Amino acid sequence: ADHTEDKNDVQLRLEAAVDQISARGALAFVGDPVLKARF
């Protein structure tokens, strides 16, 4: 149970990082439809 809880905490942080990269990467390439879509 402790292992599962620890893993979930790490994965939540990882998902939040992906969210940030997605949003800010899309903003960085708002003028480039291909790269914006990749992010």
ModelCIF file with pLDDT and N, C-alpha, C, O atoms, coordinates in Angstrom:
data_MODEL
#
_entry.id   MODEL 
#
_entity.id                         1 
_entity.type                       polymer 
_entity.pdbx_number_of_molecules   1 
#
_entity_poly.entity_id                      1 
_entity_poly.type                           'polypeptide(L)' 
_entity_poly.nstd_linkage                   no 
_entity_poly.nstd_monomer                   no 
_entity_poly.pdbx_seq_one_letter_code       ADHTEDKNDVQLRLEAAVDQISARGALAFVGDPVLKARF 
_entity_poly.pdbx_seq_one_letter_code_can   ADHTEDKNDVQLRLEAAVDQISARGALAFVGDPVLKARF 
_entity_poly.pdbx_strand_id                 A 
#
loop_
_entity_poly_seq.entity_id 
_entity_poly_seq.num 
_entity_poly_seq.mon_id 
_entity_poly_seq.hetero 
1 1  ALA n 
1 2  ASP n 
1 3  HIS n 
1 4  THR n 
1 5  GLU n 
1 6  ASP n 
1 7  LYS n 
1 8  ASN n 
1 9  ASP n 
1 10 VAL n 
1 11 GLN n 
1 12 LEU n 
1 13 ARG n 
1 14 LEU n 
1 15 GLU n 
1 16 ALA n 
1 17 ALA n 
1 18 VAL n 
1 19 ASP n 
1 20 GLN n 
1 21 ILE n 
1 22 SER n 
1 23 ALA n 
1 24 ARG n 
1 25 GLY n 
1 26 ALA n 
1 27 LEU n 
1 28 ALA n 
1 29 PHE n 
1 30 VAL n 
1 31 GLY n 
1 32 ASP n 
1 33 PRO n 
1 34 VAL n 
1 35 LEU n 
1 36 LYS n 
1 37 ALA n 
1 38 ARG n 
1 39 PHE n 
#
_struct_asym.id          A 
_struct_asym.entity_id   1 
#
loop_
_ma_qa_metric.id 
_ma_qa_metric.mode 
_ma_qa_metric.name 
_ma_qa_metric.software_group_id 
_ma_qa_metric.type 
1 global pLDDT . pLDDT 
2 local  pLDDT . pLDDT 
#
_ma_qa_metric_global.metric_id      1 
_ma_qa_metric_global.metric_value   88.13 
_ma_qa_metric_global.model_id       1 
_ma_qa_metric_global.ordinal_id     1 
#
loop_
_ma_qa_metric_local.label_asym_id 
_ma_qa_metric_local.label_comp_id 
_ma_qa_metric_local.label_seq_id 
_ma_qa_metric_local.metric_id 
_ma_qa_metric_local.metric_value 
_ma_qa_metric_local.model_id 
_ma_qa_metric_local.ordinal_id 
A ALA 1  2 43.00 1 1  
A ASP 2  2 50.00 1 2  
A HIS 3  2 51.00 1 3  
A THR 4  2 49.00 1 4  
A GLU 5  2 51.00 1 5  
A ASP 6  2 79.00 1 6  
A LYS 7  2 84.00 1 7  
A ASN 8  2 88.00 1 8  
A ASP 9  2 89.00 1 9  
A VAL 10 2 89.00 1 10 
A GLN 11 2 91.00 1 11 
A LEU 12 2 94.00 1 12 
A ARG 13 2 91.00 1 13 
A LEU 14 2 93.00 1 14 
A GLU 15 2 95.00 1 15 
A ALA 16 2 96.00 1 16 
A ALA 17 2 95.00 1 17 
A VAL 18 2 96.00 1 18 
A ASP 19 2 97.00 1 19 
A GLN 20 2 96.00 1 20 
A ILE 21 2 96.00 1 21 
A SER 22 2 96.00 1 22 
A ALA 23 2 97.00 1 23 
A ARG 24 2 96.00 1 24 
A GLY 25 2 96.00 1 25 
A ALA 26 2 96.00 1 26 
A LEU 27 2 97.00 1 27 
A ALA 28 2 95.00 1 28 
A PHE 29 2 96.00 1 29 
A VAL 30 2 96.00 1 30 
A GLY 31 2 95.00 1 31 
A ASP 32 2 95.00 1 32 
A PRO 33 2 95.00 1 33 
A VAL 34 2 95.00 1 34 
A LEU 35 2 95.00 1 35 
A LYS 36 2 96.00 1 36 
A ALA 37 2 96.00 1 37 
A ARG 38 2 95.00 1 38 
A PHE 39 2 97.00 1 39 
#
loop_
_atom_site.group_PDB 
_atom_site.id 
_atom_site.type_symbol 
_atom_site.label_atom_id 
_atom_site.label_alt_id 
_atom_site.label_comp_id 
_atom_site.label_asym_id 
_atom_site.label_entity_id 
_atom_site.label_seq_id 
_atom_site.pdbx_PDB_ins_code 
_atom_site.Cartn_x 
_atom_site.Cartn_y 
_atom_site.Cartn_z 
_atom_site.occupancy 
_atom_site.B_iso_or_equiv 
_atom_site.pdbx_formal_charge 
_atom_site.auth_seq_id 
_atom_site.auth_comp_id 
_atom_site.auth_asym_id 
_atom_site.auth_atom_id 
_atom_site.pdbx_PDB_model_num 
ATOM 1   N N  . ALA A 1 1  ? 0.834  -1.197 0.000   1.00 43.00 ? 1  ALA A N  1 
ATOM 2   C CA . ALA A 1 1  ? 0.000  0.000  0.000   1.00 43.00 ? 1  ALA A CA 1 
ATOM 3   C C  . ALA A 1 1  ? 0.870  1.249  0.000   1.00 43.00 ? 1  ALA A C  1 
ATOM 4   O O  . ALA A 1 1  ? 0.571  2.215  -0.702  1.00 43.00 ? 1  ALA A O  1 
ATOM 5   N N  . ASP A 1 2  ? 1.966  1.236  0.797   1.00 50.00 ? 2  ASP A N  1 
ATOM 6   C CA . ASP A 1 2  ? 2.875  2.386  0.836   1.00 50.00 ? 2  ASP A CA 1 
ATOM 7   C C  . ASP A 1 2  ? 3.523  2.598  -0.526  1.00 50.00 ? 2  ASP A C  1 
ATOM 8   O O  . ASP A 1 2  ? 3.652  3.730  -0.992  1.00 50.00 ? 2  ASP A O  1 
ATOM 9   N N  . HIS A 1 3  ? 3.931  1.496  -1.162  1.00 51.00 ? 3  HIS A N  1 
ATOM 10  C CA . HIS A 1 3  ? 4.556  1.602  -2.487  1.00 51.00 ? 3  HIS A CA 1 
ATOM 11  C C  . HIS A 1 3  ? 3.598  2.236  -3.482  1.00 51.00 ? 3  HIS A C  1 
ATOM 12  O O  . HIS A 1 3  ? 3.992  3.107  -4.258  1.00 51.00 ? 3  HIS A O  1 
ATOM 13  N N  . THR A 1 4  ? 2.335  1.802  -3.464  1.00 49.00 ? 4  THR A N  1 
ATOM 14  C CA . THR A 1 4  ? 1.340  2.329  -4.401  1.00 49.00 ? 4  THR A CA 1 
ATOM 15  C C  . THR A 1 4  ? 1.127  3.816  -4.180  1.00 49.00 ? 4  THR A C  1 
ATOM 16  O O  . THR A 1 4  ? 1.019  4.590  -5.131  1.00 49.00 ? 4  THR A O  1 
ATOM 17  N N  . GLU A 1 5  ? 1.066  4.212  -2.892  1.00 51.00 ? 5  GLU A N  1 
ATOM 18  C CA . GLU A 1 5  ? 0.863  5.626  -2.590  1.00 51.00 ? 5  GLU A CA 1 
ATOM 19  C C  . GLU A 1 5  ? 2.045  6.459  -3.066  1.00 51.00 ? 5  GLU A C  1 
ATOM 20  O O  . GLU A 1 5  ? 1.852  7.531  -3.638  1.00 51.00 ? 5  GLU A O  1 
ATOM 21  N N  . ASP A 1 6  ? 3.272  5.979  -2.836  1.00 79.00 ? 6  ASP A N  1 
ATOM 22  C CA . ASP A 1 6  ? 4.453  6.703  -3.278  1.00 79.00 ? 6  ASP A CA 1 
ATOM 23  C C  . ASP A 1 6  ? 4.482  6.832  -4.801  1.00 79.00 ? 6  ASP A C  1 
ATOM 24  O O  . ASP A 1 6  ? 4.771  7.903  -5.335  1.00 79.00 ? 6  ASP A O  1 
ATOM 25  N N  . LYS A 1 7  ? 4.181  5.736  -5.492  1.00 84.00 ? 7  LYS A N  1 
ATOM 26  C CA . LYS A 1 7  ? 4.184  5.743  -6.956  1.00 84.00 ? 7  LYS A CA 1 
ATOM 27  C C  . LYS A 1 7  ? 3.166  6.746  -7.487  1.00 84.00 ? 7  LYS A C  1 
ATOM 28  O O  . LYS A 1 7  ? 3.443  7.474  -8.440  1.00 84.00 ? 7  LYS A O  1 
ATOM 29  N N  . ASN A 1 8  ? 2.001  6.782  -6.875  1.00 88.00 ? 8  ASN A N  1 
ATOM 30  C CA . ASN A 1 8  ? 0.967  7.707  -7.322  1.00 88.00 ? 8  ASN A CA 1 
ATOM 31  C C  . ASN A 1 8  ? 1.416  9.157  -7.164  1.00 88.00 ? 8  ASN A C  1 
ATOM 32  O O  . ASN A 1 8  ? 1.158  9.989  -8.034  1.00 88.00 ? 8  ASN A O  1 
ATOM 33  N N  . ASP A 1 9  ? 2.087  9.457  -6.055  1.00 89.00 ? 9  ASP A N  1 
ATOM 34  C CA . ASP A 1 9  ? 2.566  10.829 -5.827  1.00 89.00 ? 9  ASP A CA 1 
ATOM 35  C C  . ASP A 1 9  ? 3.545  11.246 -6.917  1.00 89.00 ? 9  ASP A C  1 
ATOM 36  O O  . ASP A 1 9  ? 3.475  12.364 -7.428  1.00 89.00 ? 9  ASP A O  1 
ATOM 37  N N  . VAL A 1 10 ? 4.454  10.347 -7.270  1.00 89.00 ? 10 VAL A N  1 
ATOM 38  C CA . VAL A 1 10 ? 5.440  10.656 -8.310  1.00 89.00 ? 10 VAL A CA 1 
ATOM 39  C C  . VAL A 1 10 ? 4.750  10.825 -9.654  1.00 89.00 ? 10 VAL A C  1 
ATOM 40  O O  . VAL A 1 10 ? 5.068  11.739 -10.414 1.00 89.00 ? 10 VAL A O  1 
ATOM 41  N N  . GLN A 1 11 ? 3.798  9.935  -9.944  1.00 91.00 ? 11 GLN A N  1 
ATOM 42  C CA . GLN A 1 11 ? 3.126  10.023 -11.239 1.00 91.00 ? 11 GLN A CA 1 
ATOM 43  C C  . GLN A 1 11 ? 2.301  11.297 -11.342 1.00 91.00 ? 11 GLN A C  1 
ATOM 44  O O  . GLN A 1 11 ? 2.223  11.899 -12.414 1.00 91.00 ? 11 GLN A O  1 
ATOM 45  N N  . LEU A 1 12 ? 1.686  11.714 -10.244 1.00 94.00 ? 12 LEU A N  1 
ATOM 46  C CA . LEU A 1 12 ? 0.929  12.969 -10.278 1.00 94.00 ? 12 LEU A CA 1 
ATOM 47  C C  . LEU A 1 12 ? 1.841  14.150 -10.597 1.00 94.00 ? 12 LEU A C  1 
ATOM 48  O O  . LEU A 1 12 ? 1.468  15.046 -11.355 1.00 94.00 ? 12 LEU A O  1 
ATOM 49  N N  . ARG A 1 13 ? 3.026  14.144 -10.018 1.00 91.00 ? 13 ARG A N  1 
ATOM 50  C CA . ARG A 1 13 ? 3.984  15.224 -10.298 1.00 91.00 ? 13 ARG A CA 1 
ATOM 51  C C  . ARG A 1 13 ? 4.438  15.160 -11.752 1.00 91.00 ? 13 ARG A C  1 
ATOM 52  O O  . ARG A 1 13 ? 4.572  16.190 -12.413 1.00 91.00 ? 13 ARG A O  1 
ATOM 53  N N  . LEU A 1 14 ? 4.671  13.957 -12.242 1.00 93.00 ? 14 LEU A N  1 
ATOM 54  C CA . LEU A 1 14 ? 5.069  13.791 -13.645 1.00 93.00 ? 14 LEU A CA 1 
ATOM 55  C C  . LEU A 1 14 ? 3.971  14.303 -14.572 1.00 93.00 ? 14 LEU A C  1 
ATOM 56  O O  . LEU A 1 14 ? 4.261  14.998 -15.545 1.00 93.00 ? 14 LEU A O  1 
ATOM 57  N N  . GLU A 1 15 ? 2.732  13.973 -14.287 1.00 95.00 ? 15 GLU A N  1 
ATOM 58  C CA . GLU A 1 15 ? 1.625  14.408 -15.140 1.00 95.00 ? 15 GLU A CA 1 
ATOM 59  C C  . GLU A 1 15 ? 1.485  15.922 -15.127 1.00 95.00 ? 15 GLU A C  1 
ATOM 60  O O  . GLU A 1 15 ? 1.166  16.532 -16.148 1.00 95.00 ? 15 GLU A O  1 
ATOM 61  N N  . ALA A 1 16 ? 1.726  16.530 -13.962 1.00 96.00 ? 16 ALA A N  1 
ATOM 62  C CA . ALA A 1 16 ? 1.655  17.990 -13.877 1.00 96.00 ? 16 ALA A CA 1 
ATOM 63  C C  . ALA A 1 16 ? 2.756  18.630 -14.722 1.00 96.00 ? 16 ALA A C  1 
ATOM 64  O O  . ALA A 1 16 ? 2.549  19.675 -15.337 1.00 96.00 ? 16 ALA A O  1 
ATOM 65  N N  . ALA A 1 17 ? 3.920  17.997 -14.745 1.00 95.00 ? 17 ALA A N  1 
ATOM 66  C CA . ALA A 1 17 ? 5.023  18.518 -15.570 1.00 95.00 ? 17 ALA A CA 1 
ATOM 67  C C  . ALA A 1 17 ? 4.685  18.416 -17.053 1.00 95.00 ? 17 ALA A C  1 
ATOM 68  O O  . ALA A 1 17 ? 4.967  19.336 -17.821 1.00 95.00 ? 17 ALA A O  1 
ATOM 69  N N  . VAL A 1 18 ? 4.083  17.307 -17.455 1.00 96.00 ? 18 VAL A N  1 
ATOM 70  C CA . VAL A 1 18 ? 3.686  17.143 -18.854 1.00 96.00 ? 18 VAL A CA 1 
ATOM 71  C C  . VAL A 1 18 ? 2.632  18.188 -19.224 1.00 96.00 ? 18 VAL A C  1 
ATOM 72  O O  . VAL A 1 18 ? 2.654  18.745 -20.321 1.00 96.00 ? 18 VAL A O  1 
ATOM 73  N N  . ASP A 1 19 ? 1.714  18.443 -18.297 1.00 97.00 ? 19 ASP A N  1 
ATOM 74  C CA . ASP A 1 19 ? 0.699  19.475 -18.529 1.00 97.00 ? 19 ASP A CA 1 
ATOM 75  C C  . ASP A 1 19 ? 1.365  20.825 -18.804 1.00 97.00 ? 19 ASP A C  1 
ATOM 76  O O  . ASP A 1 19 ? 1.005  21.532 -19.745 1.00 97.00 ? 19 ASP A O  1 
ATOM 77  N N  . GLN A 1 20 ? 2.337  21.164 -17.967 1.00 96.00 ? 20 GLN A N  1 
ATOM 78  C CA . GLN A 1 20 ? 2.994  22.468 -18.117 1.00 96.00 ? 20 GLN A CA 1 
ATOM 79  C C  . GLN A 1 20 ? 3.752  22.553 -19.431 1.00 96.00 ? 20 GLN A C  1 
ATOM 80  O O  . GLN A 1 20 ? 3.672  23.562 -20.133 1.00 96.00 ? 20 GLN A O  1 
ATOM 81  N N  . ILE A 1 21 ? 4.483  21.506 -19.765 1.00 96.00 ? 21 ILE A N  1 
ATOM 82  C CA . ILE A 1 21 ? 5.230  21.508 -21.029 1.00 96.00 ? 21 ILE A CA 1 
ATOM 83  C C  . ILE A 1 21 ? 4.281  21.613 -22.209 1.00 96.00 ? 21 ILE A C  1 
ATOM 84  O O  . ILE A 1 21 ? 4.561  22.322 -23.176 1.00 96.00 ? 21 ILE A O  1 
ATOM 85  N N  . SER A 1 22 ? 3.154  20.906 -22.132 1.00 96.00 ? 22 SER A N  1 
ATOM 86  C CA . SER A 1 22 ? 2.180  20.942 -23.222 1.00 96.00 ? 22 SER A CA 1 
ATOM 87  C C  . SER A 1 22 ? 1.643  22.364 -23.442 1.00 96.00 ? 22 SER A C  1 
ATOM 88  O O  . SER A 1 22 ? 1.633  22.872 -24.564 1.00 96.00 ? 22 SER A O  1 
ATOM 89  N N  . ALA A 1 23 ? 1.201  22.987 -22.354 1.00 97.00 ? 23 ALA A N  1 
ATOM 90  C CA . ALA A 1 23 ? 0.589  24.306 -22.472 1.00 97.00 ? 23 ALA A CA 1 
ATOM 91  C C  . ALA A 1 23 ? 1.593  25.381 -22.883 1.00 97.00 ? 23 ALA A C  1 
ATOM 92  O O  . ALA A 1 23 ? 1.308  26.212 -23.746 1.00 97.00 ? 23 ALA A O  1 
ATOM 93  N N  . ARG A 1 24 ? 2.757  25.358 -22.266 1.00 96.00 ? 24 ARG A N  1 
ATOM 94  C CA . ARG A 1 24 ? 3.729  26.423 -22.537 1.00 96.00 ? 24 ARG A CA 1 
ATOM 95  C C  . ARG A 1 24 ? 4.486  26.182 -23.841 1.00 96.00 ? 24 ARG A C  1 
ATOM 96  O O  . ARG A 1 24 ? 4.940  27.124 -24.491 1.00 96.00 ? 24 ARG A O  1 
ATOM 97  N N  . GLY A 1 25 ? 4.616  24.908 -24.215 1.00 96.00 ? 25 GLY A N  1 
ATOM 98  C CA . GLY A 1 25 ? 5.209  24.624 -25.520 1.00 96.00 ? 25 GLY A CA 1 
ATOM 99  C C  . GLY A 1 25 ? 4.278  25.057 -26.635 1.00 96.00 ? 25 GLY A C  1 
ATOM 100 O O  . GLY A 1 25 ? 4.719  25.595 -27.651 1.00 96.00 ? 25 GLY A O  1 
ATOM 101 N N  . ALA A 1 26 ? 2.981  24.817 -26.441 1.00 96.00 ? 26 ALA A N  1 
ATOM 102 C CA . ALA A 1 26 ? 2.004  25.246 -27.445 1.00 96.00 ? 26 ALA A CA 1 
ATOM 103 C C  . ALA A 1 26 ? 2.000  26.774 -27.561 1.00 96.00 ? 26 ALA A C  1 
ATOM 104 O O  . ALA A 1 26 ? 1.849  27.325 -28.651 1.00 96.00 ? 26 ALA A O  1 
ATOM 105 N N  . LEU A 1 27 ? 2.169  27.445 -26.417 1.00 97.00 ? 27 LEU A N  1 
ATOM 106 C CA . LEU A 1 27 ? 2.227  28.911 -26.429 1.00 97.00 ? 27 LEU A CA 1 
ATOM 107 C C  . LEU A 1 27 ? 3.476  29.393 -27.169 1.00 97.00 ? 27 LEU A C  1 
ATOM 108 O O  . LEU A 1 27 ? 3.420  30.364 -27.923 1.00 97.00 ? 27 LEU A O  1 
ATOM 109 N N  . ALA A 1 28 ? 4.590  28.718 -26.951 1.00 95.00 ? 28 ALA A N  1 
ATOM 110 C CA . ALA A 1 28 ? 5.847  29.117 -27.604 1.00 95.00 ? 28 ALA A CA 1 
ATOM 111 C C  . ALA A 1 28 ? 5.752  28.997 -29.120 1.00 95.00 ? 28 ALA A C  1 
ATOM 112 O O  . ALA A 1 28 ? 6.386  29.752 -29.858 1.00 95.00 ? 28 ALA A O  1 
ATOM 113 N N  . PHE A 1 29 ? 4.938  28.023 -29.577 1.00 96.00 ? 29 PHE A N  1 
ATOM 114 C CA . PHE A 1 29 ? 4.840  27.790 -31.024 1.00 96.00 ? 29 PHE A CA 1 
ATOM 115 C C  . PHE A 1 29 ? 3.424  28.068 -31.543 1.00 96.00 ? 29 PHE A C  1 
ATOM 116 O O  . PHE A 1 29 ? 2.933  27.394 -32.449 1.00 96.00 ? 29 PHE A O  1 
ATOM 117 N N  . VAL A 1 30 ? 2.789  29.069 -30.951 1.00 96.00 ? 30 VAL A N  1 
ATOM 118 C CA . VAL A 1 30 ? 1.423  29.392 -31.362 1.00 96.00 ? 30 VAL A CA 1 
ATOM 119 C C  . VAL A 1 30 ? 1.344  29.763 -32.841 1.00 96.00 ? 30 VAL A C  1 
ATOM 120 O O  . VAL A 1 30 ? 0.292  29.626 -33.465 1.00 96.00 ? 30 VAL A O  1 
ATOM 121 N N  . GLY A 1 31 ? 2.450  30.228 -33.394 1.00 95.00 ? 31 GLY A N  1 
ATOM 122 C CA . GLY A 1 31 ? 2.461  30.592 -34.818 1.00 95.00 ? 31 GLY A CA 1 
ATOM 123 C C  . GLY A 1 31 ? 2.882  29.463 -35.724 1.00 95.00 ? 31 GLY A C  1 
ATOM 124 O O  . GLY A 1 31 ? 2.951  29.646 -36.940 1.00 95.00 ? 31 GLY A O  1 
ATOM 125 N N  . ASP A 1 32 ? 3.170  28.288 -35.164 1.00 95.00 ? 32 ASP A N  1 
ATOM 126 C CA . ASP A 1 32 ? 3.598  27.126 -35.955 1.00 95.00 ? 32 ASP A CA 1 
ATOM 127 C C  . ASP A 1 32 ? 2.617  25.993 -35.688 1.00 95.00 ? 32 ASP A C  1 
ATOM 128 O O  . ASP A 1 32 ? 2.764  25.276 -34.698 1.00 95.00 ? 32 ASP A O  1 
ATOM 129 N N  . PRO A 1 33 ? 1.615  25.813 -36.554 1.00 95.00 ? 33 PRO A N  1 
ATOM 130 C CA . PRO A 1 33 ? 0.562  24.822 -36.307 1.00 95.00 ? 33 PRO A CA 1 
ATOM 131 C C  . PRO A 1 33 ? 1.073  23.400 -36.067 1.00 95.00 ? 33 PRO A C  1 
ATOM 132 O O  . PRO A 1 33 ? 0.498  22.669 -35.261 1.00 95.00 ? 33 PRO A O  1 
ATOM 133 N N  . VAL A 1 34 ? 2.121  23.009 -36.739 1.00 95.00 ? 34 VAL A N  1 
ATOM 134 C CA . VAL A 1 34 ? 2.631  21.638 -36.600 1.00 95.00 ? 34 VAL A CA 1 
ATOM 135 C C  . VAL A 1 34 ? 3.229  21.421 -35.216 1.00 95.00 ? 34 VAL A C  1 
ATOM 136 O O  . VAL A 1 34 ? 2.874  20.467 -34.524 1.00 95.00 ? 34 VAL A O  1 
ATOM 137 N N  . LEU A 1 35 ? 4.132  22.303 -34.816 1.00 95.00 ? 35 LEU A N  1 
ATOM 138 C CA . LEU A 1 35 ? 4.765  22.154 -33.508 1.00 95.00 ? 35 LEU A CA 1 
ATOM 139 C C  . LEU A 1 35 ? 3.772  22.411 -32.374 1.00 95.00 ? 35 LEU A C  1 
ATOM 140 O O  . LEU A 1 35 ? 3.808  21.728 -31.350 1.00 95.00 ? 35 LEU A O  1 
ATOM 141 N N  . LYS A 1 36 ? 2.897  23.379 -32.552 1.00 96.00 ? 36 LYS A N  1 
ATOM 142 C CA . LYS A 1 36 ? 1.876  23.662 -31.540 1.00 96.00 ? 36 LYS A CA 1 
ATOM 143 C C  . LYS A 1 36 ? 1.044  22.404 -31.287 1.00 96.00 ? 36 LYS A C  1 
ATOM 144 O O  . LYS A 1 36 ? 0.760  22.058 -30.141 1.00 96.00 ? 36 LYS A O  1 
ATOM 145 N N  . ALA A 1 37 ? 0.657  21.725 -32.373 1.00 96.00 ? 37 ALA A N  1 
ATOM 146 C CA . ALA A 1 37 ? -0.159 20.520 -32.240 1.00 96.00 ? 37 ALA A CA 1 
ATOM 147 C C  . ALA A 1 37 ? 0.622  19.391 -31.550 1.00 96.00 ? 37 ALA A C  1 
ATOM 148 O O  . ALA A 1 37 ? 0.042  18.612 -30.794 1.00 96.00 ? 37 ALA A O  1 
ATOM 149 N N  . ARG A 1 38 ? 1.931  19.301 -31.805 1.00 95.00 ? 38 ARG A N  1 
ATOM 150 C CA . ARG A 1 38 ? 2.734  18.255 -31.161 1.00 95.00 ? 38 ARG A CA 1 
ATOM 151 C C  . ARG A 1 38 ? 2.714  18.432 -29.641 1.00 95.00 ? 38 ARG A C  1 
ATOM 152 O O  . ARG A 1 38 ? 2.562  17.459 -28.902 1.00 95.00 ? 38 ARG A O  1 
ATOM 153 N N  . PHE A 1 39 ? 2.864  19.646 -29.187 1.00 97.00 ? 39 PHE A N  1 
ATOM 154 C CA . PHE A 1 39 ? 2.837  19.909 -27.746 1.00 97.00 ? 39 PHE A CA 1 
ATOM 155 C C  . PHE A 1 39 ? 1.431  19.688 -27.169 1.00 97.00 ? 39 PHE A C  1 
ATOM 156 O O  . PHE A 1 39 ? 1.222  19.863 -25.969 1.00 97.00 ? 39 PHE A O  1 
#
